[in-house]
Amino acid sequence: MTATAETADYPIQTATARGHNSLFAAVPPSIVETPLPEGVNGTFTTLQVMGDCVKGFVGPDFSGYQDSWVRQCAEQITFGSSNDLQAVFGFVTEWIVYVPHPINAQVVQDCRRTIEIGSGDCVSMSVCVATLLASLGYQVRFVAQFPNDETQYSHVYTECFDRGRWIAIDSVAKDRPLGWSQNLPDGGFETTWEIF
């Protein structure tokens, strides 16, 4: 998750589409580009847009947690599972391919686009996890990580409140179990971002 920009023209791209995944119908994408502030303000702007994607507040055609299509996907993904979080985590790690965002741009996709095209960066994969779980009634939030050896936030993941505690869901860490999050070096820190 890149938060620092060389210029004020560093854009945040929000996109929705009914894309390339053969399981879903294709519809042309809608892409909105907005300049992203420099430094940590860029990260906070990205986190705000991510939350707005989960809520379905970003136009023109974003699909949030109250969208019946998203709810049906979440119900299909968790059908027969004794652990909704594990089912959603397993779905995203197995079916969504991690693709780094373009240089000098932060891409934020809604959940539906990420599922339909089958790829996204840590931002879009986190939005996907959060939206699916929110559609099932779970409380979710984002966590941005700032290692001490970098000059910016570098990663984001989702947390979900379940059974009295917050559980990390880092869908980029495909070889790690549900609940794992990377340890930060001394001096590194995390920022929690509430969605609702």
N, C-alpha and C. Protein backbone atom coordinates (compact mmCIF):
# COMPACT_ATOMS: atom_id res chain seq x y z
N MET A 1 0.86 -1.17 0.00
CA MET A 1 0.00 0.00 0.00
C MET A 1 0.90 1.22 0.00
N THR A 2 1.00 1.87 -1.09
CA THR A 2 1.86 3.02 -1.21
C THR A 2 1.14 4.26 -0.72
N ALA A 3 1.79 5.02 0.13
CA ALA A 3 1.15 6.20 0.69
C ALA A 3 1.89 7.48 0.35
N THR A 4 3.07 7.37 -0.19
CA THR A 4 3.85 8.55 -0.48
C THR A 4 3.85 8.80 -1.98
N ALA A 5 3.79 10.06 -2.36
CA ALA A 5 3.76 10.42 -3.76
C ALA A 5 4.90 11.36 -4.08
N GLU A 6 5.42 11.26 -5.29
CA GLU A 6 6.44 12.19 -5.74
C GLU A 6 5.81 13.54 -6.07
N THR A 7 4.59 13.51 -6.59
CA THR A 7 3.89 14.74 -6.92
C THR A 7 2.45 14.63 -6.45
N ALA A 8 1.75 15.74 -6.46
CA ALA A 8 0.34 15.75 -6.07
C ALA A 8 -0.53 15.08 -7.13
N ASP A 9 0.04 14.73 -8.28
CA ASP A 9 -0.73 14.10 -9.34
C ASP A 9 -0.85 12.60 -9.16
N TYR A 10 -0.29 12.07 -8.09
CA TYR A 10 -0.37 10.64 -7.82
C TYR A 10 -1.84 10.27 -7.66
N PRO A 11 -2.41 9.46 -8.56
CA PRO A 11 -3.85 9.25 -8.50
C PRO A 11 -4.25 8.03 -7.68
N ILE A 12 -5.45 8.14 -7.15
CA ILE A 12 -6.11 6.96 -6.61
C ILE A 12 -7.14 6.59 -7.66
N GLN A 13 -7.12 5.36 -8.10
CA GLN A 13 -8.05 4.91 -9.11
C GLN A 13 -9.08 4.03 -8.43
N THR A 14 -10.33 4.37 -8.62
CA THR A 14 -11.39 3.49 -8.15
C THR A 14 -12.07 2.93 -9.37
N ALA A 15 -12.28 1.64 -9.36
CA ALA A 15 -12.80 1.01 -10.56
C ALA A 15 -13.82 -0.06 -10.21
N THR A 16 -14.83 -0.15 -11.03
CA THR A 16 -15.77 -1.26 -10.94
C THR A 16 -15.95 -1.80 -12.34
N ALA A 17 -16.22 -3.06 -12.42
CA ALA A 17 -16.47 -3.66 -13.72
C ALA A 17 -17.20 -4.97 -13.51
N ARG A 18 -17.72 -5.45 -14.54
CA ARG A 18 -18.24 -6.80 -14.57
C ARG A 18 -17.33 -7.49 -15.58
N GLY A 19 -16.25 -8.07 -15.05
CA GLY A 19 -15.05 -8.31 -15.81
C GLY A 19 -14.81 -9.64 -16.44
N HIS A 20 -13.63 -10.20 -16.18
CA HIS A 20 -13.05 -11.25 -16.99
C HIS A 20 -13.28 -12.66 -16.47
N ASN A 21 -13.66 -12.84 -15.24
CA ASN A 21 -13.85 -14.17 -14.68
C ASN A 21 -14.97 -14.86 -15.46
N SER A 22 -14.70 -16.03 -15.97
CA SER A 22 -15.66 -16.71 -16.82
C SER A 22 -16.94 -17.11 -16.09
N LEU A 23 -16.94 -17.04 -14.76
CA LEU A 23 -18.14 -17.37 -14.01
C LEU A 23 -19.14 -16.23 -14.01
N PHE A 24 -18.74 -15.05 -14.46
CA PHE A 24 -19.58 -13.87 -14.37
C PHE A 24 -19.67 -13.15 -15.70
N ALA A 25 -20.77 -12.43 -15.91
CA ALA A 25 -20.97 -11.69 -17.15
C ALA A 25 -20.06 -10.46 -17.19
N ALA A 26 -19.63 -10.09 -18.38
CA ALA A 26 -18.74 -8.95 -18.54
C ALA A 26 -19.53 -7.67 -18.83
N VAL A 27 -19.16 -6.61 -18.17
CA VAL A 27 -19.72 -5.28 -18.39
C VAL A 27 -18.54 -4.32 -18.41
N PRO A 28 -18.55 -3.31 -19.26
CA PRO A 28 -17.41 -2.38 -19.31
C PRO A 28 -17.15 -1.74 -17.93
N PRO A 29 -15.87 -1.53 -17.60
CA PRO A 29 -15.55 -0.95 -16.29
C PRO A 29 -15.84 0.54 -16.21
N SER A 30 -16.05 0.99 -15.00
CA SER A 30 -16.12 2.42 -14.71
C SER A 30 -14.89 2.74 -13.89
N ILE A 31 -14.11 3.72 -14.32
CA ILE A 31 -12.88 4.07 -13.61
C ILE A 31 -12.91 5.55 -13.31
N VAL A 32 -12.61 5.88 -12.06
CA VAL A 32 -12.54 7.26 -11.63
C VAL A 32 -11.14 7.49 -11.08
N GLU A 33 -10.45 8.51 -11.58
CA GLU A 33 -9.12 8.83 -11.08
C GLU A 33 -9.19 10.13 -10.29
N THR A 34 -8.58 10.11 -9.11
CA THR A 34 -8.57 11.26 -8.22
C THR A 34 -7.15 11.45 -7.72
N PRO A 35 -6.64 12.68 -7.70
CA PRO A 35 -5.30 12.89 -7.14
C PRO A 35 -5.25 12.44 -5.69
N LEU A 36 -4.15 11.80 -5.34
CA LEU A 36 -3.97 11.28 -3.99
C LEU A 36 -2.99 12.19 -3.24
N PRO A 37 -3.35 12.66 -2.04
CA PRO A 37 -2.42 13.49 -1.28
C PRO A 37 -1.12 12.75 -0.98
N GLU A 38 -0.08 13.50 -0.72
CA GLU A 38 1.21 12.91 -0.41
C GLU A 38 1.25 12.38 1.01
N GLY A 39 2.19 11.47 1.26
CA GLY A 39 2.48 10.98 2.61
C GLY A 39 1.33 10.22 3.25
N VAL A 40 1.26 10.30 4.58
CA VAL A 40 0.26 9.54 5.32
C VAL A 40 -1.16 9.97 4.95
N ASN A 41 -1.33 11.21 4.53
CA ASN A 41 -2.66 11.64 4.10
C ASN A 41 -3.14 10.84 2.89
N GLY A 42 -2.21 10.42 2.05
CA GLY A 42 -2.55 9.55 0.93
C GLY A 42 -3.05 8.20 1.40
N THR A 43 -2.40 7.67 2.44
CA THR A 43 -2.86 6.40 3.01
C THR A 43 -4.25 6.57 3.61
N PHE A 44 -4.45 7.64 4.36
CA PHE A 44 -5.75 7.85 5.00
C PHE A 44 -6.85 8.07 3.96
N THR A 45 -6.53 8.74 2.86
CA THR A 45 -7.50 8.90 1.77
C THR A 45 -7.84 7.54 1.18
N THR A 46 -6.82 6.71 0.96
CA THR A 46 -7.04 5.37 0.43
C THR A 46 -7.92 4.55 1.37
N LEU A 47 -7.63 4.59 2.67
CA LEU A 47 -8.43 3.85 3.64
C LEU A 47 -9.88 4.32 3.65
N GLN A 48 -10.08 5.64 3.52
CA GLN A 48 -11.44 6.17 3.47
C GLN A 48 -12.18 5.64 2.24
N VAL A 49 -11.51 5.65 1.08
CA VAL A 49 -12.13 5.14 -0.14
C VAL A 49 -12.41 3.64 0.00
N MET A 50 -11.49 2.91 0.61
CA MET A 50 -11.71 1.49 0.83
C MET A 50 -12.98 1.27 1.65
N GLY A 51 -13.13 2.01 2.74
CA GLY A 51 -14.33 1.90 3.56
C GLY A 51 -15.58 2.28 2.79
N ASP A 52 -15.47 3.32 1.97
CA ASP A 52 -16.61 3.73 1.16
C ASP A 52 -16.98 2.65 0.14
N CYS A 53 -15.99 1.93 -0.38
CA CYS A 53 -16.27 0.80 -1.28
C CYS A 53 -17.06 -0.28 -0.56
N VAL A 54 -16.65 -0.61 0.66
CA VAL A 54 -17.36 -1.63 1.43
C VAL A 54 -18.82 -1.20 1.64
N LYS A 55 -19.02 0.08 1.92
CA LYS A 55 -20.36 0.60 2.17
C LYS A 55 -21.15 0.83 0.88
N GLY A 56 -20.49 0.79 -0.27
CA GLY A 56 -21.17 1.02 -1.55
C GLY A 56 -21.39 2.49 -1.84
N PHE A 57 -20.55 3.36 -1.26
CA PHE A 57 -20.74 4.80 -1.41
C PHE A 57 -19.99 5.42 -2.58
N VAL A 58 -19.15 4.66 -3.28
CA VAL A 58 -18.36 5.22 -4.36
C VAL A 58 -19.04 4.93 -5.69
N GLY A 59 -19.32 5.97 -6.45
CA GLY A 59 -20.01 5.82 -7.73
C GLY A 59 -19.04 5.67 -8.87
N PRO A 60 -19.52 5.45 -10.05
CA PRO A 60 -20.96 5.47 -10.34
C PRO A 60 -21.68 4.16 -10.07
N ASP A 61 -21.00 3.05 -9.99
CA ASP A 61 -21.71 1.77 -9.89
C ASP A 61 -21.08 0.79 -8.90
N PHE A 62 -20.57 1.32 -7.78
CA PHE A 62 -19.95 0.42 -6.82
C PHE A 62 -20.96 -0.45 -6.12
N SER A 63 -20.55 -1.64 -5.82
CA SER A 63 -21.37 -2.66 -5.21
C SER A 63 -20.85 -2.91 -3.80
N GLY A 64 -21.55 -2.46 -2.79
CA GLY A 64 -21.12 -2.60 -1.41
C GLY A 64 -21.73 -3.80 -0.70
N TYR A 65 -21.60 -3.81 0.60
CA TYR A 65 -22.01 -4.96 1.41
C TYR A 65 -23.52 -5.20 1.39
N GLN A 66 -24.33 -4.21 1.03
CA GLN A 66 -25.77 -4.39 0.98
C GLN A 66 -26.27 -4.84 -0.39
N ASP A 67 -25.38 -4.97 -1.35
CA ASP A 67 -25.73 -5.44 -2.69
C ASP A 67 -26.14 -6.92 -2.61
N SER A 68 -27.27 -7.26 -3.19
CA SER A 68 -27.74 -8.65 -3.13
C SER A 68 -26.78 -9.61 -3.82
N TRP A 69 -26.08 -9.14 -4.87
CA TRP A 69 -25.11 -9.99 -5.56
C TRP A 69 -23.98 -10.38 -4.61
N VAL A 70 -23.48 -9.39 -3.87
CA VAL A 70 -22.40 -9.65 -2.90
C VAL A 70 -22.89 -10.60 -1.82
N ARG A 71 -24.08 -10.36 -1.31
CA ARG A 71 -24.65 -11.22 -0.26
C ARG A 71 -24.79 -12.66 -0.75
N GLN A 72 -25.27 -12.84 -1.98
CA GLN A 72 -25.40 -14.19 -2.53
C GLN A 72 -24.04 -14.87 -2.67
N CYS A 73 -23.03 -14.10 -3.11
CA CYS A 73 -21.67 -14.67 -3.19
C CYS A 73 -21.20 -15.12 -1.82
N ALA A 74 -21.38 -14.25 -0.82
CA ALA A 74 -20.94 -14.58 0.54
C ALA A 74 -21.66 -15.82 1.06
N GLU A 75 -22.95 -15.93 0.77
CA GLU A 75 -23.70 -17.11 1.22
C GLU A 75 -23.23 -18.37 0.51
N GLN A 76 -22.91 -18.25 -0.79
CA GLN A 76 -22.37 -19.40 -1.53
C GLN A 76 -21.02 -19.82 -0.98
N ILE A 77 -20.16 -18.83 -0.72
CA ILE A 77 -18.81 -19.11 -0.23
C ILE A 77 -18.84 -19.79 1.12
N THR A 78 -19.76 -19.39 1.98
CA THR A 78 -19.80 -19.93 3.35
C THR A 78 -20.76 -21.10 3.52
N PHE A 79 -21.50 -21.45 2.48
CA PHE A 79 -22.49 -22.53 2.58
C PHE A 79 -21.83 -23.83 3.06
N GLY A 80 -22.37 -24.40 4.10
CA GLY A 80 -21.86 -25.66 4.63
C GLY A 80 -20.62 -25.54 5.49
N SER A 81 -20.10 -24.33 5.64
CA SER A 81 -18.89 -24.14 6.45
C SER A 81 -19.26 -23.88 7.91
N SER A 82 -18.45 -24.37 8.79
CA SER A 82 -18.67 -24.08 10.22
C SER A 82 -17.95 -22.81 10.65
N ASN A 83 -17.17 -22.22 9.74
CA ASN A 83 -16.41 -21.02 10.07
C ASN A 83 -16.44 -20.07 8.87
N ASP A 84 -17.31 -19.04 8.96
CA ASP A 84 -17.46 -18.09 7.86
C ASP A 84 -16.15 -17.40 7.53
N LEU A 85 -15.38 -17.01 8.54
CA LEU A 85 -14.13 -16.29 8.30
C LEU A 85 -13.15 -17.16 7.52
N GLN A 86 -13.05 -18.43 7.92
CA GLN A 86 -12.14 -19.35 7.22
C GLN A 86 -12.60 -19.56 5.78
N ALA A 87 -13.90 -19.66 5.58
CA ALA A 87 -14.43 -19.87 4.23
C ALA A 87 -14.13 -18.68 3.33
N VAL A 88 -14.37 -17.45 3.81
CA VAL A 88 -14.09 -16.26 3.02
C VAL A 88 -12.59 -16.13 2.78
N PHE A 89 -11.78 -16.33 3.82
CA PHE A 89 -10.32 -16.28 3.67
C PHE A 89 -9.85 -17.30 2.64
N GLY A 90 -10.36 -18.52 2.73
CA GLY A 90 -9.98 -19.57 1.77
C GLY A 90 -10.38 -19.24 0.36
N PHE A 91 -11.58 -18.69 0.19
CA PHE A 91 -12.04 -18.30 -1.14
C PHE A 91 -11.12 -17.24 -1.75
N VAL A 92 -10.86 -16.18 -1.00
CA VAL A 92 -10.06 -15.09 -1.55
C VAL A 92 -8.63 -15.54 -1.83
N THR A 93 -8.03 -16.31 -0.92
CA THR A 93 -6.65 -16.75 -1.16
C THR A 93 -6.55 -17.75 -2.31
N GLU A 94 -7.61 -18.52 -2.53
CA GLU A 94 -7.57 -19.52 -3.60
C GLU A 94 -7.97 -18.96 -4.97
N TRP A 95 -8.95 -18.05 -5.01
CA TRP A 95 -9.53 -17.64 -6.27
C TRP A 95 -9.13 -16.24 -6.74
N ILE A 96 -8.57 -15.42 -5.85
CA ILE A 96 -8.17 -14.07 -6.24
C ILE A 96 -6.65 -14.02 -6.32
N VAL A 97 -6.13 -13.64 -7.47
CA VAL A 97 -4.69 -13.57 -7.70
C VAL A 97 -4.19 -12.20 -7.26
N TYR A 98 -3.12 -12.19 -6.45
CA TYR A 98 -2.52 -10.93 -6.03
C TYR A 98 -1.76 -10.31 -7.20
N VAL A 99 -2.07 -9.05 -7.49
CA VAL A 99 -1.39 -8.28 -8.54
C VAL A 99 -1.03 -6.93 -7.94
N PRO A 100 0.26 -6.57 -7.88
CA PRO A 100 0.63 -5.26 -7.33
C PRO A 100 -0.02 -4.13 -8.11
N HIS A 101 -0.32 -3.04 -7.40
CA HIS A 101 -0.92 -1.89 -8.09
C HIS A 101 0.12 -1.23 -8.98
N PRO A 102 -0.33 -0.49 -10.00
CA PRO A 102 0.61 0.18 -10.90
C PRO A 102 1.47 1.20 -10.15
N ILE A 103 2.65 1.46 -10.67
CA ILE A 103 3.51 2.49 -10.09
C ILE A 103 2.81 3.83 -10.24
N ASN A 104 2.90 4.65 -9.21
CA ASN A 104 2.30 5.99 -9.18
C ASN A 104 0.78 5.98 -9.27
N ALA A 105 0.16 4.88 -8.83
CA ALA A 105 -1.30 4.83 -8.77
C ALA A 105 -1.69 3.83 -7.71
N GLN A 106 -2.72 4.15 -6.95
CA GLN A 106 -3.29 3.20 -5.99
C GLN A 106 -4.66 2.83 -6.51
N VAL A 107 -4.87 1.56 -6.79
CA VAL A 107 -6.14 1.09 -7.34
C VAL A 107 -6.99 0.55 -6.20
N VAL A 108 -8.25 0.97 -6.16
CA VAL A 108 -9.21 0.45 -5.19
C VAL A 108 -10.39 -0.10 -5.99
N GLN A 109 -10.60 -1.39 -5.89
CA GLN A 109 -11.72 -2.04 -6.59
C GLN A 109 -12.78 -2.41 -5.57
N ASP A 110 -14.03 -2.44 -6.02
CA ASP A 110 -15.07 -2.96 -5.15
C ASP A 110 -14.99 -4.48 -5.13
N CYS A 111 -15.70 -5.08 -4.21
CA CYS A 111 -15.67 -6.53 -4.04
C CYS A 111 -16.12 -7.26 -5.30
N ARG A 112 -17.18 -6.79 -5.89
CA ARG A 112 -17.71 -7.48 -7.07
C ARG A 112 -16.69 -7.50 -8.20
N ARG A 113 -16.04 -6.36 -8.46
CA ARG A 113 -15.03 -6.32 -9.52
C ARG A 113 -13.90 -7.30 -9.21
N THR A 114 -13.43 -7.31 -7.98
CA THR A 114 -12.32 -8.19 -7.62
C THR A 114 -12.69 -9.65 -7.84
N ILE A 115 -13.90 -10.03 -7.47
CA ILE A 115 -14.34 -11.41 -7.69
C ILE A 115 -14.47 -11.71 -9.18
N GLU A 116 -15.07 -10.79 -9.92
CA GLU A 116 -15.30 -11.05 -11.34
C GLU A 116 -14.03 -11.12 -12.16
N ILE A 117 -13.07 -10.24 -11.90
CA ILE A 117 -11.84 -10.31 -12.69
C ILE A 117 -10.82 -11.27 -12.08
N GLY A 118 -11.02 -11.61 -10.80
CA GLY A 118 -10.17 -12.62 -10.17
C GLY A 118 -8.79 -12.15 -9.77
N SER A 119 -8.61 -10.83 -9.61
CA SER A 119 -7.31 -10.33 -9.19
C SER A 119 -7.46 -8.99 -8.49
N GLY A 120 -6.42 -8.62 -7.73
CA GLY A 120 -6.38 -7.34 -7.06
C GLY A 120 -5.14 -7.24 -6.20
N ASP A 121 -4.84 -6.03 -5.74
CA ASP A 121 -3.71 -5.85 -4.83
C ASP A 121 -4.20 -6.01 -3.39
N CYS A 122 -3.34 -5.72 -2.41
CA CYS A 122 -3.73 -5.92 -1.01
C CYS A 122 -4.91 -5.04 -0.63
N VAL A 123 -5.01 -3.86 -1.24
CA VAL A 123 -6.12 -2.95 -0.96
C VAL A 123 -7.43 -3.56 -1.45
N SER A 124 -7.47 -3.97 -2.70
CA SER A 124 -8.70 -4.52 -3.27
C SER A 124 -9.07 -5.86 -2.66
N MET A 125 -8.09 -6.68 -2.33
CA MET A 125 -8.37 -7.96 -1.68
C MET A 125 -8.93 -7.73 -0.27
N SER A 126 -8.42 -6.71 0.42
CA SER A 126 -8.94 -6.38 1.74
C SER A 126 -10.37 -5.87 1.66
N VAL A 127 -10.65 -5.04 0.65
CA VAL A 127 -12.02 -4.56 0.43
C VAL A 127 -12.95 -5.74 0.16
N CYS A 128 -12.50 -6.70 -0.62
CA CYS A 128 -13.30 -7.87 -0.95
C CYS A 128 -13.65 -8.66 0.31
N VAL A 129 -12.65 -8.97 1.12
CA VAL A 129 -12.87 -9.72 2.36
C VAL A 129 -13.83 -8.96 3.27
N ALA A 130 -13.57 -7.68 3.47
CA ALA A 130 -14.40 -6.87 4.37
C ALA A 130 -15.84 -6.80 3.88
N THR A 131 -16.04 -6.64 2.57
CA THR A 131 -17.39 -6.52 2.02
C THR A 131 -18.16 -7.83 2.16
N LEU A 132 -17.52 -8.95 1.83
CA LEU A 132 -18.18 -10.25 1.97
C LEU A 132 -18.61 -10.49 3.41
N LEU A 133 -17.70 -10.24 4.36
CA LEU A 133 -18.03 -10.49 5.76
C LEU A 133 -19.06 -9.50 6.30
N ALA A 134 -18.97 -8.24 5.88
CA ALA A 134 -19.97 -7.26 6.31
C ALA A 134 -21.35 -7.63 5.79
N SER A 135 -21.41 -8.21 4.59
CA SER A 135 -22.71 -8.62 4.04
C SER A 135 -23.35 -9.73 4.86
N LEU A 136 -22.53 -10.46 5.60
CA LEU A 136 -23.03 -11.53 6.49
C LEU A 136 -23.27 -11.02 7.91
N GLY A 137 -23.06 -9.72 8.14
CA GLY A 137 -23.34 -9.13 9.44
C GLY A 137 -22.17 -9.01 10.38
N TYR A 138 -20.96 -9.29 9.92
CA TYR A 138 -19.78 -9.18 10.78
C TYR A 138 -19.29 -7.74 10.85
N GLN A 139 -18.68 -7.41 11.98
CA GLN A 139 -18.01 -6.12 12.15
C GLN A 139 -16.59 -6.26 11.60
N VAL A 140 -16.22 -5.35 10.70
CA VAL A 140 -14.91 -5.43 10.04
C VAL A 140 -14.22 -4.07 10.10
N ARG A 141 -12.91 -4.10 9.95
CA ARG A 141 -12.11 -2.87 9.87
C ARG A 141 -10.83 -3.18 9.11
N PHE A 142 -10.09 -2.13 8.78
CA PHE A 142 -8.81 -2.29 8.09
C PHE A 142 -7.67 -1.97 9.04
N VAL A 143 -6.51 -2.58 8.77
CA VAL A 143 -5.30 -2.30 9.52
C VAL A 143 -4.19 -2.02 8.51
N ALA A 144 -3.61 -0.81 8.59
CA ALA A 144 -2.50 -0.42 7.72
C ALA A 144 -1.20 -0.57 8.49
N GLN A 145 -0.18 -1.12 7.85
CA GLN A 145 1.10 -1.37 8.50
C GLN A 145 2.18 -0.41 8.01
N PHE A 146 2.96 0.09 8.96
CA PHE A 146 4.04 1.03 8.68
C PHE A 146 5.32 0.46 9.31
N PRO A 147 6.14 -0.28 8.54
CA PRO A 147 7.40 -0.79 9.08
C PRO A 147 8.36 0.36 9.40
N ASN A 148 9.22 0.18 10.39
CA ASN A 148 10.13 1.26 10.77
C ASN A 148 11.23 1.49 9.76
N ASP A 149 11.45 0.54 8.86
CA ASP A 149 12.54 0.68 7.89
C ASP A 149 12.05 1.27 6.57
N GLU A 150 10.82 1.77 6.54
CA GLU A 150 10.28 2.39 5.34
C GLU A 150 9.80 3.79 5.69
N THR A 151 9.46 4.55 4.68
CA THR A 151 9.02 5.93 4.90
C THR A 151 7.52 6.08 4.67
N GLN A 152 6.83 4.96 4.60
CA GLN A 152 5.41 5.02 4.30
C GLN A 152 4.72 3.73 4.76
N TYR A 153 3.39 3.78 4.80
CA TYR A 153 2.63 2.56 5.01
C TYR A 153 2.87 1.66 3.81
N SER A 154 2.97 0.36 4.06
CA SER A 154 3.32 -0.52 2.95
C SER A 154 2.33 -1.67 2.75
N HIS A 155 1.39 -1.86 3.67
CA HIS A 155 0.50 -3.02 3.55
C HIS A 155 -0.78 -2.74 4.32
N VAL A 156 -1.85 -3.39 3.90
CA VAL A 156 -3.13 -3.29 4.61
C VAL A 156 -3.78 -4.67 4.61
N TYR A 157 -4.49 -4.97 5.68
CA TYR A 157 -5.27 -6.21 5.75
C TYR A 157 -6.56 -5.93 6.50
N THR A 158 -7.44 -6.91 6.53
CA THR A 158 -8.74 -6.78 7.18
C THR A 158 -8.70 -7.48 8.52
N GLU A 159 -9.46 -6.93 9.48
CA GLU A 159 -9.73 -7.62 10.74
C GLU A 159 -11.24 -7.78 10.86
N CYS A 160 -11.64 -8.88 11.47
CA CYS A 160 -13.06 -9.16 11.68
C CYS A 160 -13.27 -9.53 13.14
N PHE A 161 -14.32 -8.97 13.74
CA PHE A 161 -14.64 -9.26 15.13
C PHE A 161 -15.50 -10.52 15.18
N ASP A 162 -15.00 -11.54 15.83
CA ASP A 162 -15.70 -12.82 15.92
C ASP A 162 -15.37 -13.49 17.23
N ARG A 163 -16.40 -13.95 17.91
CA ARG A 163 -16.24 -14.68 19.17
C ARG A 163 -15.44 -13.90 20.20
N GLY A 164 -15.75 -12.59 20.27
CA GLY A 164 -15.17 -11.74 21.31
C GLY A 164 -13.79 -11.20 21.05
N ARG A 165 -13.26 -11.37 19.82
CA ARG A 165 -11.92 -10.85 19.54
C ARG A 165 -11.77 -10.49 18.06
N TRP A 166 -10.78 -9.63 17.79
CA TRP A 166 -10.47 -9.25 16.42
C TRP A 166 -9.54 -10.28 15.81
N ILE A 167 -9.86 -10.75 14.62
CA ILE A 167 -9.07 -11.78 13.93
C ILE A 167 -8.53 -11.18 12.62
N ALA A 168 -7.22 -11.29 12.44
CA ALA A 168 -6.57 -10.79 11.22
C ALA A 168 -6.92 -11.70 10.05
N ILE A 169 -7.20 -11.07 8.91
CA ILE A 169 -7.45 -11.81 7.67
C ILE A 169 -6.60 -11.14 6.60
N ASP A 170 -5.39 -11.66 6.42
CA ASP A 170 -4.46 -11.10 5.44
C ASP A 170 -4.50 -11.99 4.21
N SER A 171 -5.35 -11.62 3.26
CA SER A 171 -5.60 -12.46 2.10
C SER A 171 -4.43 -12.51 1.12
N VAL A 172 -3.44 -11.66 1.29
CA VAL A 172 -2.25 -11.72 0.45
C VAL A 172 -1.32 -12.83 0.92
N ALA A 173 -1.39 -13.16 2.20
CA ALA A 173 -0.52 -14.17 2.80
C ALA A 173 -1.13 -15.55 2.60
N LYS A 174 -1.11 -16.02 1.37
CA LYS A 174 -1.77 -17.27 1.01
C LYS A 174 -1.20 -18.49 1.72
N ASP A 175 0.06 -18.43 2.11
CA ASP A 175 0.69 -19.57 2.75
C ASP A 175 0.63 -19.49 4.28
N ARG A 176 -0.16 -18.57 4.80
CA ARG A 176 -0.30 -18.39 6.25
C ARG A 176 -1.72 -18.71 6.67
N PRO A 177 -1.94 -19.04 7.93
CA PRO A 177 -3.29 -19.37 8.39
C PRO A 177 -4.12 -18.13 8.69
N LEU A 178 -5.42 -18.33 8.76
CA LEU A 178 -6.33 -17.30 9.22
C LEU A 178 -5.86 -16.83 10.58
N GLY A 179 -5.86 -15.52 10.82
CA GLY A 179 -5.42 -14.96 12.09
C GLY A 179 -3.98 -14.49 12.09
N TRP A 180 -3.22 -14.85 11.06
CA TRP A 180 -1.81 -14.43 10.97
C TRP A 180 -1.72 -13.02 10.44
N SER A 181 -0.78 -12.25 10.99
CA SER A 181 -0.38 -10.97 10.41
C SER A 181 1.12 -10.85 10.58
N GLN A 182 1.76 -10.17 9.64
CA GLN A 182 3.21 -10.09 9.69
C GLN A 182 3.66 -9.28 10.91
N ASN A 183 4.71 -9.74 11.54
CA ASN A 183 5.29 -9.00 12.65
C ASN A 183 6.04 -7.81 12.09
N LEU A 184 5.90 -6.69 12.76
CA LEU A 184 6.62 -5.50 12.34
C LEU A 184 7.91 -5.38 13.14
N PRO A 185 8.97 -4.87 12.53
CA PRO A 185 10.21 -4.66 13.27
C PRO A 185 10.01 -3.61 14.36
N ASP A 186 10.93 -3.57 15.33
CA ASP A 186 10.86 -2.55 16.38
C ASP A 186 10.71 -1.18 15.74
N GLY A 187 9.79 -0.40 16.27
CA GLY A 187 9.55 0.93 15.74
C GLY A 187 8.47 0.97 14.68
N GLY A 188 8.08 -0.20 14.14
CA GLY A 188 6.99 -0.25 13.19
C GLY A 188 5.67 -0.14 13.94
N PHE A 189 4.63 0.25 13.24
CA PHE A 189 3.33 0.37 13.91
C PHE A 189 2.19 0.11 12.93
N GLU A 190 1.02 -0.10 13.50
CA GLU A 190 -0.18 -0.31 12.72
C GLU A 190 -1.20 0.76 13.04
N THR A 191 -2.01 1.10 12.06
CA THR A 191 -3.10 2.05 12.24
C THR A 191 -4.39 1.32 11.89
N THR A 192 -5.32 1.31 12.84
CA THR A 192 -6.62 0.69 12.63
C THR A 192 -7.58 1.71 12.03
N TRP A 193 -8.34 1.29 11.02
CA TRP A 193 -9.27 2.18 10.34
C TRP A 193 -10.68 1.56 10.42
N GLU A 194 -11.54 2.20 11.17
CA GLU A 194 -12.91 1.73 11.32
C GLU A 194 -13.69 2.02 10.03
N ILE A 195 -14.52 1.09 9.61
CA ILE A 195 -15.31 1.25 8.39
C ILE A 195 -16.70 1.78 8.71
N PHE A 196 -17.31 1.24 9.74
CA PHE A 196 -18.67 1.63 10.11
C PHE A 196 -18.66 2.41 11.42
